[in-house]
Amino acid sequence: METIRIKSTTREEMIEITREAEKFLTGNGQTEGICVLFTRHTTCGLTINENADPDVKSDMLGFLRKLIPQYYEDFKHFEHNSDAHIKSSLVGSSVTVPFAGGKLMLGRWQGIYLCEFDGAREREVLMIIR
């Protein structure tokens, strides 16, 4: 198992971690299998999405922000981050990607992202290959 550490710089952002994940695949002795990435945090998530056009990230974050605003009159959680918990649940806490030849078998325009919803913080993503 490996740990990828990521530092977010704003409250909400999508940080591509594809390269960090791939560097752990080389030299591990396995030529093919699956790679599972998981975050133990409740206010961030993991997803796979387009990594060619940065507008995709801003569109996703903008839509989630509009759908689930930080301040909503019915939220009771005292830390004012209920929106981050909901967004994290919607996005999910893990991704699974097959790999071969030391490379993740992602599509041409795909990348793995940590979705920060309550930053700026340091986050950890656990990675295991089988």
N, C-alpha and C. Protein backbone atom coordinates (compact mmCIF):
# COMPACT_ATOMS: atom_id res chain seq x y z
N MET A 1 0.84 -1.17 0.00
CA MET A 1 0.00 0.00 0.00
C MET A 1 0.89 1.24 0.00
N GLU A 2 0.46 2.24 -0.73
CA GLU A 2 1.16 3.51 -0.81
C GLU A 2 0.22 4.63 -0.37
N THR A 3 0.79 5.75 0.01
CA THR A 3 0.00 6.92 0.37
C THR A 3 0.43 8.08 -0.49
N ILE A 4 -0.55 8.71 -1.14
CA ILE A 4 -0.30 9.92 -1.92
C ILE A 4 -0.78 11.08 -1.06
N ARG A 5 0.10 12.06 -0.86
CA ARG A 5 -0.26 13.25 -0.07
C ARG A 5 -0.49 14.43 -1.00
N ILE A 6 -1.61 15.11 -0.78
CA ILE A 6 -1.99 16.23 -1.63
C ILE A 6 -2.32 17.42 -0.76
N LYS A 7 -1.82 18.59 -1.15
CA LYS A 7 -2.16 19.83 -0.44
C LYS A 7 -3.08 20.66 -1.33
N SER A 8 -4.28 20.89 -0.86
CA SER A 8 -5.17 21.78 -1.59
C SER A 8 -4.88 23.21 -1.16
N THR A 9 -5.25 24.15 -2.02
CA THR A 9 -4.94 25.55 -1.74
C THR A 9 -6.17 26.43 -1.61
N THR A 10 -7.34 25.91 -2.01
CA THR A 10 -8.58 26.67 -1.90
C THR A 10 -9.66 25.77 -1.33
N ARG A 11 -10.81 26.36 -0.98
CA ARG A 11 -11.88 25.59 -0.36
C ARG A 11 -12.37 24.48 -1.29
N GLU A 12 -12.55 24.80 -2.57
CA GLU A 12 -13.02 23.80 -3.53
C GLU A 12 -12.11 23.80 -4.74
N GLU A 13 -11.60 22.62 -5.07
CA GLU A 13 -10.77 22.48 -6.26
C GLU A 13 -10.65 21.02 -6.63
N MET A 14 -10.31 20.79 -7.88
CA MET A 14 -10.04 19.44 -8.37
C MET A 14 -8.56 19.37 -8.71
N ILE A 15 -7.87 18.43 -8.09
CA ILE A 15 -6.43 18.30 -8.24
C ILE A 15 -6.13 16.96 -8.91
N GLU A 16 -5.51 17.01 -10.09
CA GLU A 16 -5.20 15.76 -10.79
C GLU A 16 -4.05 15.04 -10.09
N ILE A 17 -4.26 13.75 -9.83
CA ILE A 17 -3.24 12.94 -9.14
C ILE A 17 -2.83 11.72 -9.97
N THR A 18 -3.12 11.74 -11.27
CA THR A 18 -2.82 10.59 -12.14
C THR A 18 -1.33 10.26 -12.12
N ARG A 19 -0.47 11.25 -12.28
CA ARG A 19 0.99 11.00 -12.31
C ARG A 19 1.48 10.41 -11.00
N GLU A 20 0.96 10.93 -9.89
CA GLU A 20 1.36 10.42 -8.58
C GLU A 20 0.98 8.95 -8.44
N ALA A 21 -0.20 8.59 -8.94
CA ALA A 21 -0.63 7.18 -8.88
C ALA A 21 0.24 6.31 -9.78
N GLU A 22 0.52 6.77 -10.99
CA GLU A 22 1.30 5.97 -11.93
C GLU A 22 2.73 5.73 -11.46
N LYS A 23 3.30 6.67 -10.73
CA LYS A 23 4.70 6.47 -10.33
C LYS A 23 4.84 5.29 -9.36
N PHE A 24 3.78 4.94 -8.65
CA PHE A 24 3.85 3.79 -7.76
C PHE A 24 3.71 2.46 -8.51
N LEU A 25 3.22 2.51 -9.75
CA LEU A 25 3.06 1.28 -10.53
C LEU A 25 4.39 0.77 -11.06
N THR A 26 5.30 1.68 -11.37
CA THR A 26 6.58 1.26 -11.95
C THR A 26 7.47 0.66 -10.86
N GLY A 27 8.05 -0.45 -11.16
CA GLY A 27 9.00 -1.07 -10.24
C GLY A 27 8.38 -1.89 -9.13
N ASN A 28 7.08 -2.16 -9.19
CA ASN A 28 6.48 -2.96 -8.13
C ASN A 28 6.46 -4.45 -8.45
N GLY A 29 6.85 -4.82 -9.67
CA GLY A 29 6.91 -6.22 -10.02
C GLY A 29 5.64 -6.76 -10.66
N GLN A 30 4.55 -6.05 -10.57
CA GLN A 30 3.30 -6.50 -11.19
C GLN A 30 3.18 -5.86 -12.56
N THR A 31 2.85 -6.68 -13.56
CA THR A 31 2.73 -6.14 -14.91
C THR A 31 1.29 -5.73 -15.23
N GLU A 32 0.33 -6.35 -14.55
CA GLU A 32 -1.06 -5.96 -14.76
C GLU A 32 -1.88 -6.26 -13.51
N GLY A 33 -3.01 -5.59 -13.42
CA GLY A 33 -3.88 -5.79 -12.27
C GLY A 33 -4.84 -4.63 -12.14
N ILE A 34 -5.25 -4.38 -10.90
CA ILE A 34 -6.12 -3.23 -10.65
C ILE A 34 -5.48 -2.34 -9.59
N CYS A 35 -5.78 -1.08 -9.72
CA CYS A 35 -5.29 -0.07 -8.79
C CYS A 35 -6.52 0.54 -8.13
N VAL A 36 -6.56 0.51 -6.81
CA VAL A 36 -7.66 1.10 -6.07
C VAL A 36 -7.11 2.29 -5.29
N LEU A 37 -7.75 3.43 -5.44
CA LEU A 37 -7.40 4.63 -4.68
C LEU A 37 -8.57 4.97 -3.78
N PHE A 38 -8.28 5.33 -2.54
CA PHE A 38 -9.32 5.57 -1.54
C PHE A 38 -8.90 6.71 -0.62
N THR A 39 -9.83 7.59 -0.32
CA THR A 39 -9.57 8.65 0.65
C THR A 39 -10.42 8.43 1.89
N ARG A 40 -9.80 8.58 3.05
CA ARG A 40 -10.51 8.38 4.33
C ARG A 40 -11.14 9.67 4.85
N HIS A 41 -11.11 10.71 4.06
CA HIS A 41 -11.66 12.00 4.48
C HIS A 41 -13.13 12.10 4.09
N THR A 42 -13.91 12.82 4.90
CA THR A 42 -15.35 12.92 4.65
C THR A 42 -15.76 14.19 3.93
N THR A 43 -14.80 15.05 3.59
CA THR A 43 -15.14 16.28 2.88
C THR A 43 -14.35 16.45 1.59
N CYS A 44 -13.86 15.35 1.04
CA CYS A 44 -13.27 15.35 -0.29
C CYS A 44 -13.62 14.02 -0.94
N GLY A 45 -13.39 13.92 -2.22
CA GLY A 45 -13.72 12.70 -2.93
C GLY A 45 -12.71 12.42 -4.03
N LEU A 46 -12.94 11.33 -4.74
CA LEU A 46 -12.10 10.95 -5.88
C LEU A 46 -13.00 10.69 -7.08
N THR A 47 -12.52 11.10 -8.24
CA THR A 47 -13.28 10.84 -9.46
C THR A 47 -12.33 10.73 -10.64
N ILE A 48 -12.84 10.20 -11.73
CA ILE A 48 -12.12 10.14 -13.00
C ILE A 48 -12.91 11.01 -13.97
N ASN A 49 -12.21 11.93 -14.62
CA ASN A 49 -12.88 12.79 -15.59
C ASN A 49 -11.87 13.34 -16.58
N GLU A 50 -12.35 14.18 -17.48
CA GLU A 50 -11.50 14.73 -18.53
C GLU A 50 -10.37 15.57 -17.94
N ASN A 51 -9.18 15.39 -18.51
CA ASN A 51 -8.03 16.15 -18.05
C ASN A 51 -7.42 17.04 -19.14
N ALA A 52 -8.15 17.25 -20.23
CA ALA A 52 -7.62 18.07 -21.32
C ALA A 52 -8.08 19.52 -21.22
N ASP A 53 -9.32 19.75 -20.87
CA ASP A 53 -9.88 21.10 -20.84
C ASP A 53 -10.18 21.49 -19.40
N PRO A 54 -9.49 22.50 -18.86
CA PRO A 54 -9.71 22.91 -17.46
C PRO A 54 -11.13 23.41 -17.19
N ASP A 55 -11.88 23.75 -18.23
CA ASP A 55 -13.26 24.19 -18.03
C ASP A 55 -14.12 23.07 -17.44
N VAL A 56 -13.75 21.82 -17.69
CA VAL A 56 -14.53 20.71 -17.12
C VAL A 56 -14.48 20.78 -15.60
N LYS A 57 -13.30 21.03 -15.04
CA LYS A 57 -13.17 21.13 -13.58
C LYS A 57 -14.00 22.29 -13.04
N SER A 58 -13.89 23.46 -13.66
CA SER A 58 -14.64 24.61 -13.16
C SER A 58 -16.14 24.43 -13.35
N ASP A 59 -16.55 23.78 -14.45
CA ASP A 59 -17.97 23.51 -14.66
C ASP A 59 -18.52 22.56 -13.59
N MET A 60 -17.75 21.51 -13.29
CA MET A 60 -18.20 20.55 -12.27
C MET A 60 -18.32 21.23 -10.90
N LEU A 61 -17.28 21.93 -10.51
CA LEU A 61 -17.30 22.59 -9.20
C LEU A 61 -18.39 23.66 -9.15
N GLY A 62 -18.56 24.40 -10.23
CA GLY A 62 -19.59 25.44 -10.27
C GLY A 62 -20.98 24.86 -10.15
N PHE A 63 -21.22 23.75 -10.83
CA PHE A 63 -22.54 23.12 -10.75
C PHE A 63 -22.81 22.58 -9.35
N LEU A 64 -21.83 21.90 -8.77
CA LEU A 64 -22.00 21.38 -7.41
C LEU A 64 -22.20 22.51 -6.41
N ARG A 65 -21.49 23.61 -6.59
CA ARG A 65 -21.64 24.76 -5.70
C ARG A 65 -23.05 25.35 -5.79
N LYS A 66 -23.58 25.39 -7.00
CA LYS A 66 -24.93 25.91 -7.21
C LYS A 66 -25.98 24.93 -6.66
N LEU A 67 -25.76 23.66 -6.90
CA LEU A 67 -26.68 22.61 -6.45
C LEU A 67 -26.71 22.51 -4.92
N ILE A 68 -25.52 22.61 -4.30
CA ILE A 68 -25.38 22.44 -2.86
C ILE A 68 -24.54 23.60 -2.32
N PRO A 69 -25.16 24.73 -1.99
CA PRO A 69 -24.40 25.88 -1.50
C PRO A 69 -23.85 25.64 -0.09
N GLN A 70 -22.78 26.34 0.24
CA GLN A 70 -22.17 26.18 1.56
C GLN A 70 -23.14 26.56 2.68
N TYR A 71 -23.83 27.65 2.48
CA TYR A 71 -24.76 28.12 3.52
C TYR A 71 -26.19 27.89 3.04
N TYR A 72 -26.88 27.02 3.74
CA TYR A 72 -28.27 26.68 3.43
C TYR A 72 -29.02 26.68 4.75
N GLU A 73 -30.15 27.31 4.78
CA GLU A 73 -30.87 27.54 6.04
C GLU A 73 -31.19 26.28 6.83
N ASP A 74 -31.32 25.15 6.18
CA ASP A 74 -31.66 23.91 6.90
C ASP A 74 -30.45 23.11 7.37
N PHE A 75 -29.23 23.52 7.02
CA PHE A 75 -28.05 22.82 7.51
C PHE A 75 -27.87 23.10 9.00
N LYS A 76 -27.63 22.06 9.78
CA LYS A 76 -27.47 22.18 11.23
C LYS A 76 -26.03 22.03 11.70
N HIS A 77 -25.19 21.40 10.90
CA HIS A 77 -23.80 21.11 11.29
C HIS A 77 -23.06 22.40 11.63
N PHE A 78 -22.48 22.48 12.81
CA PHE A 78 -21.90 23.71 13.33
C PHE A 78 -20.63 24.16 12.60
N GLU A 79 -19.98 23.28 11.86
CA GLU A 79 -18.74 23.65 11.18
C GLU A 79 -18.98 24.34 9.84
N HIS A 80 -20.22 24.47 9.42
CA HIS A 80 -20.58 25.11 8.15
C HIS A 80 -19.93 24.44 6.95
N ASN A 81 -19.80 23.12 7.03
CA ASN A 81 -19.28 22.38 5.89
C ASN A 81 -20.17 21.20 5.51
N SER A 82 -21.44 21.30 5.83
CA SER A 82 -22.38 20.24 5.44
C SER A 82 -22.37 20.05 3.93
N ASP A 83 -22.23 21.14 3.19
CA ASP A 83 -22.17 21.02 1.73
C ASP A 83 -21.02 20.13 1.30
N ALA A 84 -19.87 20.25 1.97
CA ALA A 84 -18.70 19.44 1.62
C ALA A 84 -18.95 17.96 1.88
N HIS A 85 -19.65 17.65 2.96
CA HIS A 85 -19.98 16.25 3.26
C HIS A 85 -20.92 15.68 2.19
N ILE A 86 -21.89 16.46 1.77
CA ILE A 86 -22.84 16.00 0.76
C ILE A 86 -22.13 15.81 -0.59
N LYS A 87 -21.31 16.77 -0.99
CA LYS A 87 -20.58 16.67 -2.25
C LYS A 87 -19.65 15.46 -2.25
N SER A 88 -19.00 15.22 -1.12
CA SER A 88 -18.12 14.07 -1.00
C SER A 88 -18.88 12.76 -1.18
N SER A 89 -20.07 12.69 -0.58
CA SER A 89 -20.89 11.48 -0.73
C SER A 89 -21.33 11.28 -2.17
N LEU A 90 -21.68 12.36 -2.85
CA LEU A 90 -22.11 12.25 -4.25
C LEU A 90 -20.97 11.82 -5.17
N VAL A 91 -19.78 12.39 -4.96
CA VAL A 91 -18.64 12.07 -5.82
C VAL A 91 -18.10 10.68 -5.50
N GLY A 92 -18.02 10.34 -4.22
CA GLY A 92 -17.50 9.04 -3.81
C GLY A 92 -16.09 9.14 -3.26
N SER A 93 -15.69 8.13 -2.53
CA SER A 93 -14.39 8.14 -1.85
C SER A 93 -13.34 7.26 -2.49
N SER A 94 -13.67 6.61 -3.61
CA SER A 94 -12.67 5.73 -4.23
C SER A 94 -12.87 5.63 -5.74
N VAL A 95 -11.79 5.21 -6.41
CA VAL A 95 -11.83 4.86 -7.83
C VAL A 95 -11.00 3.59 -8.01
N THR A 96 -11.37 2.81 -9.01
CA THR A 96 -10.65 1.58 -9.34
C THR A 96 -10.30 1.64 -10.82
N VAL A 97 -9.01 1.41 -11.13
CA VAL A 97 -8.54 1.51 -12.51
C VAL A 97 -7.66 0.30 -12.81
N PRO A 98 -7.91 -0.40 -13.93
CA PRO A 98 -6.98 -1.47 -14.32
C PRO A 98 -5.67 -0.86 -14.82
N PHE A 99 -4.59 -1.67 -14.73
CA PHE A 99 -3.30 -1.22 -15.26
C PHE A 99 -2.62 -2.37 -15.97
N ALA A 100 -1.74 -2.01 -16.89
CA ALA A 100 -0.92 -2.99 -17.63
C ALA A 100 0.35 -2.30 -18.05
N GLY A 101 1.45 -3.03 -17.98
CA GLY A 101 2.73 -2.48 -18.40
C GLY A 101 3.15 -1.23 -17.62
N GLY A 102 2.76 -1.16 -16.36
CA GLY A 102 3.13 -0.01 -15.54
C GLY A 102 2.35 1.25 -15.82
N LYS A 103 1.27 1.15 -16.62
CA LYS A 103 0.46 2.32 -16.96
C LYS A 103 -1.00 2.06 -16.61
N LEU A 104 -1.62 3.09 -16.06
CA LEU A 104 -3.05 3.02 -15.83
C LEU A 104 -3.77 2.97 -17.17
N MET A 105 -4.80 2.17 -17.26
CA MET A 105 -5.51 2.00 -18.53
C MET A 105 -6.67 3.00 -18.63
N LEU A 106 -6.34 4.24 -18.42
CA LEU A 106 -7.31 5.31 -18.55
C LEU A 106 -7.49 5.66 -20.02
N GLY A 107 -8.63 6.23 -20.35
CA GLY A 107 -8.86 6.71 -21.70
C GLY A 107 -7.99 7.91 -22.01
N ARG A 108 -7.90 8.26 -23.27
CA ARG A 108 -7.03 9.33 -23.74
C ARG A 108 -7.21 10.63 -22.96
N TRP A 109 -8.42 11.00 -22.63
CA TRP A 109 -8.70 12.29 -22.00
C TRP A 109 -9.03 12.15 -20.52
N GLN A 110 -8.78 10.99 -19.93
CA GLN A 110 -9.14 10.76 -18.54
C GLN A 110 -7.98 11.01 -17.58
N GLY A 111 -8.32 11.52 -16.41
CA GLY A 111 -7.37 11.69 -15.33
C GLY A 111 -8.07 11.40 -14.01
N ILE A 112 -7.29 11.10 -12.99
CA ILE A 112 -7.81 10.84 -11.65
C ILE A 112 -7.69 12.14 -10.86
N TYR A 113 -8.78 12.50 -10.19
CA TYR A 113 -8.82 13.76 -9.45
C TYR A 113 -9.21 13.57 -7.99
N LEU A 114 -8.51 14.29 -7.14
CA LEU A 114 -8.97 14.51 -5.78
C LEU A 114 -9.88 15.73 -5.86
N CYS A 115 -11.11 15.61 -5.38
CA CYS A 115 -12.06 16.71 -5.37
C CYS A 115 -12.12 17.27 -3.96
N GLU A 116 -11.52 18.42 -3.78
CA GLU A 116 -11.50 19.08 -2.48
C GLU A 116 -12.76 19.93 -2.33
N PHE A 117 -13.46 19.74 -1.21
CA PHE A 117 -14.68 20.49 -0.96
C PHE A 117 -14.62 21.29 0.35
N ASP A 118 -13.52 21.18 1.10
CA ASP A 118 -13.43 21.86 2.40
C ASP A 118 -11.98 22.22 2.72
N GLY A 119 -11.29 22.80 1.74
CA GLY A 119 -9.88 23.12 1.93
C GLY A 119 -9.71 24.54 2.42
N ALA A 120 -8.52 24.96 2.47
CA ALA A 120 -7.29 24.31 2.07
C ALA A 120 -6.83 23.35 3.17
N ARG A 121 -6.38 22.18 2.75
CA ARG A 121 -5.96 21.13 3.68
C ARG A 121 -4.93 20.22 3.03
N GLU A 122 -4.31 19.41 3.88
CA GLU A 122 -3.49 18.31 3.37
C GLU A 122 -4.34 17.06 3.42
N ARG A 123 -4.35 16.33 2.32
CA ARG A 123 -5.17 15.11 2.20
C ARG A 123 -4.27 13.92 1.91
N GLU A 124 -4.78 12.75 2.23
CA GLU A 124 -4.08 11.50 1.91
C GLU A 124 -4.99 10.60 1.10
N VAL A 125 -4.41 10.01 0.07
CA VAL A 125 -5.12 9.02 -0.74
C VAL A 125 -4.34 7.72 -0.61
N LEU A 126 -5.00 6.68 -0.15
CA LEU A 126 -4.40 5.36 -0.04
C LEU A 126 -4.50 4.66 -1.40
N MET A 127 -3.43 3.97 -1.76
CA MET A 127 -3.40 3.29 -3.06
C MET A 127 -2.92 1.86 -2.85
N ILE A 128 -3.68 0.93 -3.39
CA ILE A 128 -3.29 -0.48 -3.31
C ILE A 128 -3.45 -1.10 -4.70
N ILE A 129 -2.51 -1.96 -5.06
CA ILE A 129 -2.58 -2.64 -6.35
C ILE A 129 -2.65 -4.14 -6.12
N ARG A 130 -3.38 -4.79 -6.98
CA ARG A 130 -3.55 -6.25 -6.90
C ARG A 130 -3.44 -6.84 -8.27
